[in-house]
Amino acid sequence: MEGNIELPGTYYIDLKGNALHQLYILDLEPPDWYNQKEYEGWLIYYGHNHYRNPTGDSLTLADSSRSYKAYKTSHGLIIKKEESYAWVFVTDFDLTGGPQKLRWESIKKVRISDNYVIVEQSRAPGETTNIFVIDIETGICGRMKFTSNFPEPFFIENGKLLVEDAGYKKSFMLDEIFNELKVQDKSISK
């Protein structure tokens, strides 16, 4: 999107017919009383959950490089390049394994490396930590899961992603991670 960053507010859309019908989860069939042609509903997005940053500021600069600036909210990550911006990551319990309670801030450390952004996601309370690596230009994203409840924050040093997990120091070559995302991008575009 071009222009100044706009944070989401709470909003809803009206749903009816097949759009409402598709919201039934898994293999559950609608109840007998449900009439697909007659019933209507709302799908609500509670944007206020992005604004729970303990510093009191809803949008914080998390990292920057020559080309990009990474801003975070409590549950989302925005990348700004020149006069354009894009939401590249939003925490969700089912999709990304974020915390069940949105009052717990989920986006912790953020670092930009070349055309990639690395995001530490807290899964509080007492859950494992995820690190997401996102190709800023394509949106392709990979997740690294760790076994310890509270690993040390990750570090980037000499082309490596360093993480302490369950008392063991682990090292991952950034080039190998970035190449894997490129492979995934090619397999999706086929």
Protein backbone atom coordinates (compact mmCIF):
# COMPACT_ATOMS: atom_id res chain seq x y z
CA MET A 1 0.00 0.00 0.00
CA GLU A 2 1.20 3.51 -0.69
CA GLY A 3 1.18 6.38 1.79
CA ASN A 4 1.30 6.58 5.56
CA ILE A 5 0.88 3.42 7.62
CA GLU A 6 -2.72 2.92 8.69
CA LEU A 7 -3.39 0.68 11.66
CA PRO A 8 -6.55 -1.40 11.63
CA GLY A 9 -9.52 -0.57 13.78
CA THR A 10 -12.39 -2.78 14.80
CA TYR A 11 -14.71 -3.40 11.89
CA TYR A 12 -17.14 -5.96 10.57
CA ILE A 13 -18.52 -7.20 7.29
CA ASP A 14 -22.00 -8.55 6.66
CA LEU A 15 -22.18 -12.20 5.65
CA LYS A 16 -25.01 -14.21 4.22
CA GLY A 17 -25.63 -17.17 1.99
CA ASN A 18 -22.62 -19.27 1.04
CA ALA A 19 -20.11 -16.87 2.65
CA LEU A 20 -21.75 -17.37 6.06
CA HIS A 21 -22.18 -21.10 5.42
CA GLN A 22 -18.42 -21.53 4.80
CA LEU A 23 -17.57 -20.32 8.30
CA TYR A 24 -18.68 -23.59 9.86
CA ILE A 25 -15.47 -25.18 11.06
CA LEU A 26 -14.01 -28.56 10.15
CA ASP A 27 -16.54 -31.14 9.02
CA LEU A 28 -19.41 -29.87 11.15
CA GLU A 29 -22.72 -29.55 9.42
CA PRO A 30 -24.93 -26.56 10.19
CA PRO A 31 -27.76 -27.25 12.65
CA ASP A 32 -31.16 -28.22 11.28
CA TRP A 33 -32.67 -24.83 12.09
CA TYR A 34 -30.07 -22.99 9.95
CA ASN A 35 -31.46 -21.65 6.67
CA GLN A 36 -28.60 -20.69 4.32
CA LYS A 37 -30.80 -18.47 2.15
CA GLU A 38 -32.41 -16.62 5.03
CA TYR A 39 -29.79 -16.13 7.79
CA GLU A 40 -27.23 -13.34 8.00
CA GLY A 41 -24.29 -12.69 10.28
CA TRP A 42 -21.20 -10.57 10.88
CA LEU A 43 -17.52 -11.33 10.70
CA ILE A 44 -15.79 -9.01 13.18
CA TYR A 45 -12.10 -8.06 13.28
CA TYR A 46 -10.96 -6.64 16.62
CA GLY A 47 -8.05 -4.43 15.50
CA HIS A 48 -7.61 -2.94 18.97
CA ASN A 49 -5.57 -6.01 19.96
CA HIS A 50 -2.61 -4.60 18.00
CA TYR A 51 -2.42 -1.70 20.46
CA ARG A 52 -1.38 -3.48 23.63
CA ASN A 53 2.31 -2.57 23.49
CA PRO A 54 3.61 -2.03 27.06
CA THR A 55 5.46 1.14 26.03
CA GLY A 56 2.13 2.77 25.27
CA ASP A 57 2.97 3.27 21.59
CA SER A 58 0.95 1.19 19.16
CA LEU A 59 3.57 1.14 16.42
CA THR A 60 7.26 0.73 17.25
CA LEU A 61 10.24 0.74 14.95
CA ALA A 62 11.74 -2.72 15.50
CA ASP A 63 14.64 -2.67 13.00
CA SER A 64 15.78 -0.97 9.82
CA SER A 65 18.19 -1.38 6.93
CA ARG A 66 19.05 0.73 3.90
CA SER A 67 15.97 -0.49 2.05
CA TYR A 68 13.42 -1.33 4.75
CA LYS A 69 12.00 -0.27 8.08
CA ALA A 70 10.24 -2.89 10.21
CA TYR A 71 7.47 -1.65 12.52
CA LYS A 72 5.67 -3.88 14.98
CA THR A 73 2.46 -3.78 16.93
CA SER A 74 1.70 -6.30 19.67
CA HIS A 75 0.64 -8.86 17.06
CA GLY A 76 1.61 -7.60 13.61
CA LEU A 77 4.64 -6.65 11.56
CA ILE A 78 4.70 -3.95 8.90
CA ILE A 79 7.55 -3.39 6.45
CA LYS A 80 7.98 0.06 4.94
CA LYS A 81 10.00 0.57 1.75
CA GLU A 82 10.26 4.15 0.52
CA GLU A 83 6.66 5.44 0.37
CA SER A 84 4.96 2.01 0.47
CA TYR A 85 4.22 -0.44 3.25
CA ALA A 86 2.84 -3.95 3.68
CA TRP A 87 1.66 -6.09 6.56
CA VAL A 88 3.96 -9.12 6.30
CA PHE A 89 3.01 -11.00 9.46
CA VAL A 90 0.04 -11.11 11.83
CA THR A 91 -0.14 -13.49 14.78
CA ASP A 92 -3.02 -15.94 14.78
CA PHE A 93 -3.59 -18.80 17.22
CA ASP A 94 -4.62 -21.39 14.61
CA LEU A 95 -2.39 -20.31 11.73
CA THR A 96 0.89 -19.22 13.35
CA GLY A 97 0.55 -20.71 16.83
CA GLY A 98 0.32 -17.36 18.59
CA PRO A 99 -0.93 -16.95 22.14
CA GLN A 100 -4.59 -17.69 22.80
CA LYS A 101 -5.04 -14.44 24.70
CA LEU A 102 -4.33 -11.34 22.66
CA ARG A 103 -3.51 -9.31 25.76
CA TRP A 104 -0.15 -11.15 25.74
CA GLU A 105 2.15 -9.45 23.25
CA SER A 106 3.32 -12.03 20.73
CA ILE A 107 5.93 -10.25 18.60
CA LYS A 108 9.21 -9.90 20.39
CA LYS A 109 12.52 -9.47 18.55
CA VAL A 110 12.61 -8.45 14.86
CA ARG A 111 15.71 -8.27 12.65
CA ILE A 112 16.12 -7.46 8.95
CA SER A 113 18.79 -9.31 6.96
CA ASP A 114 19.03 -8.52 3.24
CA ASN A 115 15.48 -8.95 1.82
CA TYR A 116 14.34 -11.03 4.78
CA VAL A 117 12.87 -10.27 8.17
CA ILE A 118 13.29 -12.60 11.14
CA VAL A 119 10.59 -12.49 13.81
CA GLU A 120 10.63 -14.01 17.30
CA GLN A 121 7.08 -14.94 18.29
CA SER A 122 6.22 -15.49 21.93
CA ARG A 123 3.60 -18.15 22.55
CA ALA A 124 3.04 -17.26 26.22
CA PRO A 125 2.34 -18.61 28.68
CA GLY A 126 4.71 -21.54 28.95
CA GLU A 127 4.68 -22.57 25.31
CA THR A 128 7.57 -22.96 22.92
CA THR A 129 8.95 -20.06 20.91
CA ASN A 130 8.70 -19.77 17.13
CA ILE A 131 11.05 -17.90 14.85
CA PHE A 132 9.60 -16.91 11.49
CA VAL A 133 11.76 -15.99 8.50
CA ILE A 134 9.88 -14.00 5.87
CA ASP A 135 10.97 -13.02 2.36
CA ILE A 136 9.93 -9.37 2.31
CA GLU A 137 9.53 -9.20 -1.47
CA THR A 138 7.55 -12.43 -2.03
CA GLY A 139 5.81 -12.97 1.33
CA ILE A 140 7.04 -16.57 1.52
CA CYS A 141 7.42 -17.48 5.20
CA GLY A 142 9.09 -20.31 7.10
CA ARG A 143 8.74 -21.24 10.75
CA MET A 144 11.39 -22.64 13.06
CA LYS A 145 10.06 -24.31 16.23
CA PHE A 146 12.10 -24.70 19.39
CA THR A 147 11.67 -27.14 22.25
CA SER A 148 12.52 -25.05 25.28
CA ASN A 149 9.88 -22.89 26.87
CA PHE A 150 12.05 -19.81 27.02
CA PRO A 151 15.02 -19.95 24.65
CA GLU A 152 17.39 -17.02 24.64
CA PRO A 153 16.56 -14.45 21.98
CA PHE A 154 18.14 -15.20 18.63
CA PHE A 155 21.23 -13.43 17.38
CA ILE A 156 22.60 -12.84 13.92
CA GLU A 157 26.37 -13.05 13.65
CA ASN A 158 28.71 -13.74 10.71
CA GLY A 159 25.91 -14.89 8.40
CA LYS A 160 24.44 -17.24 11.00
CA LEU A 161 21.25 -17.33 13.03
CA LEU A 162 22.22 -18.31 16.58
CA VAL A 163 19.67 -19.64 19.07
CA GLU A 164 20.00 -21.25 22.48
CA ASP A 165 17.39 -23.99 22.78
CA ALA A 166 16.97 -26.23 25.84
CA GLY A 167 20.50 -25.37 26.99
CA TYR A 168 22.10 -26.13 23.62
CA LYS A 169 23.46 -23.47 21.29
CA LYS A 170 22.26 -23.99 17.74
CA SER A 171 23.58 -22.32 14.63
CA PHE A 172 21.84 -22.03 11.26
CA MET A 173 23.38 -20.57 8.12
CA LEU A 174 21.18 -17.69 6.96
CA ASP A 175 21.96 -18.41 3.29
CA GLU A 176 20.62 -21.96 3.70
CA ILE A 177 17.40 -20.68 5.31
CA PHE A 178 16.95 -18.03 2.62
CA ASN A 179 17.61 -20.57 -0.17
CA GLU A 180 14.96 -22.89 1.27
CA LEU A 181 12.42 -20.07 1.12
CA LYS A 182 13.37 -19.52 -2.55
CA VAL A 183 12.81 -23.23 -3.22
CA GLN A 184 9.38 -23.02 -1.56
CA ASP A 185 8.53 -19.94 -3.62
CA LYS A 186 9.37 -21.77 -6.86
CA SER A 187 7.29 -24.81 -5.88
CA ILE A 188 4.28 -22.59 -5.08
CA SER A 189 4.51 -20.66 -8.35
CA LYS A 190 4.37 -23.82 -10.49
